[in-house]
Protein backbone atom coordinates (compact mmCIF):
# COMPACT_ATOMS: atom_id res chain seq x y z
CA MET A 1 6.18 32.75 6.04
CA PRO A 2 3.13 30.46 6.41
CA ALA A 3 3.68 26.75 6.81
CA PRO A 4 3.28 24.65 3.65
CA VAL A 5 0.01 22.75 3.38
CA ALA A 6 -0.28 19.04 2.62
CA LEU A 7 -3.27 16.80 2.00
CA VAL A 8 -2.57 13.11 2.72
CA THR A 9 -5.16 10.50 1.76
CA GLY A 10 -5.43 7.11 3.42
CA GLY A 11 -4.38 8.90 6.59
CA SER A 12 -5.97 6.68 9.23
CA SER A 13 -3.26 3.98 9.30
CA GLY A 14 -0.05 2.69 7.80
CA ILE A 15 1.91 4.86 5.38
CA GLY A 16 -0.68 7.64 5.35
CA GLU A 17 -0.75 8.02 9.11
CA ALA A 18 3.04 7.90 9.37
CA THR A 19 3.37 10.49 6.58
CA ALA A 20 0.94 12.87 8.25
CA ARG A 21 2.92 12.60 11.48
CA GLN A 22 6.24 13.09 9.70
CA LEU A 23 5.13 16.22 7.84
CA ARG A 24 3.59 17.65 10.99
CA GLU A 25 6.89 17.14 12.81
CA LEU A 26 8.53 19.18 10.06
CA GLY A 27 6.17 22.07 10.77
CA TRP A 28 3.67 21.57 7.95
CA THR A 29 -0.05 22.21 8.12
CA VAL A 30 -1.38 18.72 7.48
CA TYR A 31 -4.82 17.50 6.48
CA ALA A 32 -5.20 13.72 6.77
CA ALA A 33 -8.20 12.25 4.98
CA ALA A 34 -9.66 8.76 5.33
CA ARG A 35 -12.96 6.94 5.56
CA ARG A 36 -12.51 6.10 9.25
CA THR A 37 -11.95 9.28 11.20
CA ASP A 38 -12.55 7.35 14.44
CA ARG A 39 -9.03 5.93 14.00
CA MET A 40 -7.45 9.37 13.71
CA THR A 41 -7.76 10.74 17.23
CA GLY A 42 -4.01 10.31 17.71
CA LEU A 43 -3.41 12.59 14.75
CA THR A 44 -5.78 15.31 15.84
CA GLY A 45 -3.96 15.43 19.16
CA LEU A 46 -0.85 16.47 17.22
CA GLY A 47 -2.62 19.32 15.49
CA ILE A 48 -3.32 17.40 12.28
CA HIS A 49 -6.70 18.09 10.69
CA ALA A 50 -8.67 14.86 10.21
CA LEU A 51 -11.23 14.78 7.41
CA ALA A 52 -13.68 12.06 6.40
CA LEU A 53 -13.18 11.07 2.77
CA ASP A 54 -14.03 8.18 0.49
CA VAL A 55 -11.94 8.87 -2.62
CA THR A 56 -14.55 7.15 -4.83
CA ASP A 57 -17.14 9.79 -3.83
CA GLU A 58 -16.58 12.68 -6.25
CA ALA A 59 -18.83 15.13 -4.42
CA ALA A 60 -17.10 14.46 -1.09
CA THR A 61 -13.70 14.76 -2.75
CA ALA A 62 -14.56 18.15 -4.23
CA ALA A 63 -15.92 19.33 -0.87
CA VAL A 64 -12.74 18.33 0.99
CA VAL A 65 -10.43 20.07 -1.47
CA GLY A 66 -12.65 23.15 -1.51
CA GLN A 67 -12.69 23.26 2.29
CA ILE A 68 -8.91 23.15 2.56
CA ILE A 69 -8.35 25.76 -0.14
CA GLY A 70 -11.00 27.98 1.47
CA VAL A 71 -9.21 27.87 4.82
CA GLU A 72 -5.56 27.77 3.76
CA GLY A 73 -5.64 29.51 0.40
CA GLY A 74 -4.09 26.54 -1.38
CA ILE A 75 -2.57 23.07 -1.17
CA ASP A 76 1.17 22.79 -1.70
CA VAL A 77 1.51 19.00 -1.72
CA LEU A 78 -1.02 16.27 -2.43
CA VAL A 79 0.01 12.81 -1.22
CA ASN A 80 -2.20 10.30 -3.03
CA ASN A 81 -1.79 7.38 -0.67
CA ALA A 82 -5.31 5.91 -0.44
CA GLY A 83 -5.46 2.49 -2.03
CA TYR A 84 -5.83 -1.22 -1.39
CA GLY A 85 -4.87 -4.55 -2.88
CA SER A 86 -7.31 -7.29 -3.79
CA TYR A 87 -5.82 -10.56 -5.00
CA GLY A 88 -7.29 -13.52 -6.83
CA ALA A 89 -7.09 -15.29 -10.18
CA LEU A 90 -8.33 -13.15 -13.04
CA GLU A 91 -10.71 -16.00 -13.85
CA ASP A 92 -12.26 -15.81 -10.38
CA VAL A 93 -12.35 -12.12 -9.46
CA PRO A 94 -15.71 -10.48 -10.29
CA LEU A 95 -15.36 -7.51 -12.61
CA SER A 96 -17.21 -5.42 -10.04
CA GLU A 97 -14.30 -5.96 -7.64
CA ALA A 98 -11.77 -5.19 -10.38
CA ARG A 99 -13.58 -1.95 -11.22
CA TYR A 100 -13.73 -0.90 -7.59
CA GLN A 101 -9.99 -1.43 -7.22
CA PHE A 102 -9.47 0.90 -10.19
CA GLU A 103 -11.92 3.39 -8.70
CA VAL A 104 -9.87 3.60 -5.50
CA ASN A 105 -6.32 3.17 -6.76
CA VAL A 106 -6.52 5.10 -10.04
CA PHE A 107 -9.64 7.18 -10.57
CA GLY A 108 -9.80 8.44 -6.97
CA LEU A 109 -6.16 9.52 -7.28
CA ALA A 110 -6.85 11.16 -10.64
CA ARG A 111 -9.92 13.08 -9.43
CA LEU A 112 -8.09 14.51 -6.41
CA THR A 113 -5.25 15.55 -8.70
CA GLN A 114 -7.70 17.28 -11.05
CA LEU A 115 -9.15 19.24 -8.15
CA VAL A 116 -5.86 20.54 -6.70
CA LEU A 117 -4.21 21.42 -10.02
CA PRO A 118 -5.99 24.71 -10.89
CA GLN A 119 -4.71 26.52 -7.80
CA MET A 120 -1.25 24.98 -8.24
CA ARG A 121 -1.12 26.18 -11.84
CA GLU A 122 -2.18 29.67 -10.85
CA ARG A 123 0.60 29.87 -8.28
CA ARG A 124 3.04 27.98 -10.56
CA HIS A 125 3.94 25.89 -7.57
CA GLY A 126 2.93 22.49 -6.18
CA ARG A 127 3.78 18.84 -5.92
CA ILE A 128 1.80 15.67 -6.56
CA ILE A 129 3.19 12.60 -4.76
CA ASN A 130 1.61 9.36 -5.91
CA VAL A 131 2.20 6.34 -3.69
CA SER A 132 2.48 3.47 -6.13
CA SER A 133 4.36 0.27 -5.26
CA ILE A 134 7.07 -1.98 -6.57
CA GLY A 135 3.90 -3.70 -7.79
CA GLY A 136 3.95 -1.11 -10.56
CA ARG A 137 7.30 -2.52 -11.73
CA ILE A 138 6.91 -6.26 -11.13
CA HIS A 139 4.16 -8.87 -11.25
CA GLU A 140 2.87 -11.73 -9.10
CA PRO A 141 0.53 -14.64 -9.75
CA LEU A 142 -3.04 -13.87 -8.66
CA GLY A 143 -2.28 -10.14 -8.54
CA ALA A 144 -3.44 -9.16 -12.04
CA TRP A 145 -5.93 -6.47 -11.04
CA TYR A 146 -3.81 -5.00 -8.24
CA HIS A 147 -0.74 -4.78 -10.46
CA ALA A 148 -2.83 -3.38 -13.31
CA THR A 149 -3.82 -0.45 -11.08
CA LYS A 150 -0.23 0.19 -10.00
CA PHE A 151 1.10 0.02 -13.56
CA ALA A 152 -1.65 2.51 -14.43
CA VAL A 153 -0.50 4.87 -11.68
CA GLU A 154 3.05 4.69 -13.03
CA GLY A 155 2.00 5.57 -16.59
CA LEU A 156 -0.42 8.26 -15.44
CA SER A 157 2.30 9.86 -13.32
CA ASP A 158 4.82 9.92 -16.16
CA SER A 159 2.40 11.63 -18.53
CA LEU A 160 1.26 14.01 -15.82
CA ARG A 161 4.84 14.97 -14.98
CA ALA A 162 5.52 15.93 -18.60
CA GLU A 163 2.35 17.99 -19.02
CA LEU A 164 2.77 19.85 -15.72
CA ARG A 165 6.42 20.73 -16.12
CA PRO A 166 5.68 24.09 -17.85
CA PHE A 167 3.66 25.13 -14.78
CA GLY A 168 6.33 24.44 -12.17
CA ILE A 169 4.47 21.47 -10.67
CA ASP A 170 6.43 18.32 -9.78
CA VAL A 171 5.05 14.80 -9.96
CA VAL A 172 6.79 12.14 -7.86
CA VAL A 173 6.16 8.40 -7.61
CA ILE A 174 6.90 6.48 -4.40
CA GLN A 175 7.47 2.74 -4.86
CA PRO A 176 7.38 0.95 -1.49
CA GLY A 177 8.39 -2.65 -1.08
CA ALA A 178 6.79 -4.80 1.63
CA VAL A 179 5.44 -2.59 4.43
CA ARG A 180 4.49 -3.76 7.89
CA THR A 181 0.79 -2.87 8.04
CA GLU A 182 -2.54 -4.66 8.46
CA TRP A 183 -2.97 -4.65 4.68
CA GLY A 184 -1.08 -7.90 4.09
CA ALA A 185 -3.12 -10.02 6.49
CA ILE A 186 -6.42 -8.62 5.15
CA ALA A 187 -5.37 -9.26 1.54
CA ALA A 188 -4.28 -12.81 2.44
CA GLN A 189 -7.57 -13.61 4.14
CA ASN A 190 -9.59 -12.27 1.20
CA LEU A 191 -7.43 -14.20 -1.26
CA ARG A 192 -8.00 -17.48 0.57
CA GLN A 193 -11.75 -16.86 0.58
CA MET A 194 -11.78 -15.89 -3.10
CA SER A 195 -9.81 -19.00 -4.13
CA ALA A 196 -11.37 -21.62 -1.86
CA GLY A 197 -12.47 -24.62 -3.88
CA THR A 198 -11.08 -23.24 -7.15
CA ALA A 199 -8.35 -24.49 -9.45
CA TYR A 200 -6.08 -21.77 -8.02
CA ARG A 201 -6.37 -22.67 -4.33
CA GLN A 202 -2.80 -24.03 -4.06
CA GLN A 203 -1.30 -20.96 -5.72
CA ALA A 204 -3.46 -18.83 -3.44
CA GLU A 205 -1.96 -20.48 -0.38
CA TYR A 206 1.56 -19.65 -1.59
CA VAL A 207 0.70 -16.00 -2.31
CA ALA A 208 -1.30 -15.64 0.91
CA ALA A 209 1.69 -16.87 2.91
CA VAL A 210 3.81 -14.09 1.39
CA LEU A 211 1.13 -11.49 2.12
CA ASP A 212 0.84 -12.76 5.71
CA SER A 213 4.59 -12.51 6.14
CA THR A 214 4.45 -8.72 5.72
CA SER A 215 2.19 -8.30 8.74
CA GLY A 216 4.25 -7.81 11.87
CA SER A 217 7.46 -9.31 10.45
CA SER A 218 10.52 -7.13 11.01
CA SER A 219 12.64 -9.46 8.88
CA VAL A 220 10.48 -9.15 5.75
CA ALA A 221 8.72 -5.79 5.80
CA SER A 222 9.69 -2.23 6.66
CA PRO A 223 7.72 -0.18 9.18
CA PRO A 224 5.56 2.51 7.53
CA GLU A 225 7.73 5.22 9.09
CA VAL A 226 10.51 4.24 6.66
CA ILE A 227 8.27 5.05 3.70
CA ALA A 228 6.98 8.20 5.40
CA ARG A 229 10.49 9.57 5.68
CA VAL A 230 11.02 9.03 1.95
CA ILE A 231 7.73 10.80 1.18
CA ALA A 232 8.76 13.72 3.40
CA ARG A 233 12.07 13.90 1.52
CA ALA A 234 10.19 13.98 -1.79
CA ALA A 235 7.90 16.71 -0.43
CA THR A 236 10.69 18.97 0.79
CA ALA A 237 13.47 18.46 -1.79
CA ARG A 238 14.16 21.49 -3.95
CA ARG A 239 14.35 19.25 -7.02
CA PRO A 240 12.88 15.85 -6.16
CA ARG A 241 13.61 12.69 -8.06
CA THR A 242 10.83 11.42 -10.29
CA ARG A 243 10.78 8.06 -8.47
CA TYR A 244 11.82 6.79 -5.06
CA LEU A 245 12.18 3.09 -4.28
CA ALA A 246 11.59 2.69 -0.57
CA GLY A 247 11.75 -0.03 2.04
CA ARG A 248 13.34 -3.40 2.57
CA GLY A 249 13.98 -5.41 -0.57
CA ALA A 250 12.46 -2.90 -2.99
CA ARG A 251 15.63 -2.14 -4.93
CA ALA A 252 16.75 -5.78 -5.10
CA ILE A 253 13.40 -7.02 -6.40
CA VAL A 254 13.08 -4.30 -9.05
CA SER A 255 16.69 -4.87 -10.12
CA ALA A 256 15.99 -8.60 -10.52
CA ARG A 257 12.99 -7.79 -12.69
CA GLN A 258 15.12 -5.54 -14.90
CA LEU A 259 17.91 -8.09 -15.27
CA LEU A 260 16.01 -11.35 -15.69
CA PRO A 261 14.03 -12.46 -18.74
CA ASP A 262 10.27 -12.69 -18.18
CA ARG A 263 10.07 -16.46 -17.68
CA ALA A 264 13.11 -16.49 -15.42
CA PHE A 265 11.50 -13.88 -13.19
CA ASP A 266 8.26 -15.88 -13.23
CA LEU A 267 10.22 -18.86 -11.92
CA VAL A 268 12.00 -16.84 -9.24
CA ILE A 269 8.70 -15.48 -7.95
CA SER A 270 6.91 -18.85 -8.01
CA ASN A 271 9.73 -20.73 -6.29
CA GLY A 272 10.26 -17.96 -3.77
CA TYR A 273 6.60 -17.97 -2.82
CA ARG A 274 6.62 -21.76 -2.38
CA LEU A 275 9.60 -21.44 -0.03
CA VAL A 276 7.86 -18.76 2.03
CA ALA A 277 4.72 -20.92 2.27
CA ALA A 278 6.76 -23.97 3.32
CA ARG A 279 8.59 -21.95 5.96
CA ALA A 280 5.29 -20.60 7.29
CA ALA A 281 3.86 -24.13 7.47
CA ARG A 282 6.89 -25.36 9.44
CA ALA A 283 6.66 -22.41 11.82
CA ALA A 284 2.97 -23.08 12.40
CA ALA A 285 3.67 -26.76 13.05
CA ALA A 286 6.42 -25.90 15.52
CA THR A 287 4.11 -23.67 17.57
CA ARG A 288 1.16 -26.06 17.48
CA PRO A 289 0.62 -27.61 20.95
CA MET A 290 1.44 -31.30 21.22
CA PRO A 291 -1.50 -33.61 21.96
CA PRO A 292 -1.59 -34.83 25.56
CA VAL A 293 0.18 -38.14 26.21
CA PRO A 294 -2.20 -40.74 27.68
CA PRO A 295 -1.19 -42.06 31.12
CA ALA A 296 0.75 -45.34 31.14
CA GLN A 297 -1.33 -48.42 31.93
CA SER A 298 -0.07 -51.12 34.30
CA ALA A 299 0.19 -54.64 32.86
CA ALA A 300 -2.53 -57.11 33.82
CA PRO A 301 -1.32 -59.84 36.21
CA ASP A 302 -0.47 -63.19 34.68
CA THR A 303 -2.86 -65.70 36.25
CA GLY A 304 -1.32 -68.65 34.41
CA GLY A 305 -4.69 -69.54 32.94
């Protein structure tokens, strides 16, 4: 029996890279697609096929899917993982940036899904795994456009699941919490730049501190391999769940959102972010080198004048 075939987008780092590795370890034929194939040499050494892909380029997307189907005869699982988060006050973020975030996080995902569905329908077999976020269940200040894209992925996935059920195709949503990747530090840096000199600069510092805390912090964020294992479980389960919360803190945060009234959750988030920012400031102060102490000066002699 031939190995199942998976296409994983955003495969050059983080969750995508870890997922490609995990599925390959399970014996799958894996195609990992990303804009930066130069970062995928470690994957190709494992027998993973690395493909260049910008999910906002419709022609390139069609070519990649056509290439895989031409070689393998079909795609069993599509893991829509490509995406990014851009933060800033709605008042400050240019609409061009907001549109681009939708192009990557929503329309790129939708176009890839459109392209793989015909052959899945014909075979009455296949699985679409959309990597959303707990950001599709909760909200944060200065995250309006990012959360809008993740809420869109959630709604799109629910409708898609219902319409594909008669064809034997599963749709699964993965909702990671904080994940230890480079994404947090990049988002924090961009947020500080976007908010510099604006009315939202203090809020931006609080949110940026939280984003920074997910980069390289074992106490706050889960390694991407944790999420990859959940994706692999969703890909291989005979009857997968419709949603998987994954990673440190994900279930607790979503549960709090379900239990608390809107304004109470607003307060929890705002106060929590202030505490994280204060803790980060104290840690930075503690590691800052002390200024050199000037040498002691001897007293001048008393001449009795």
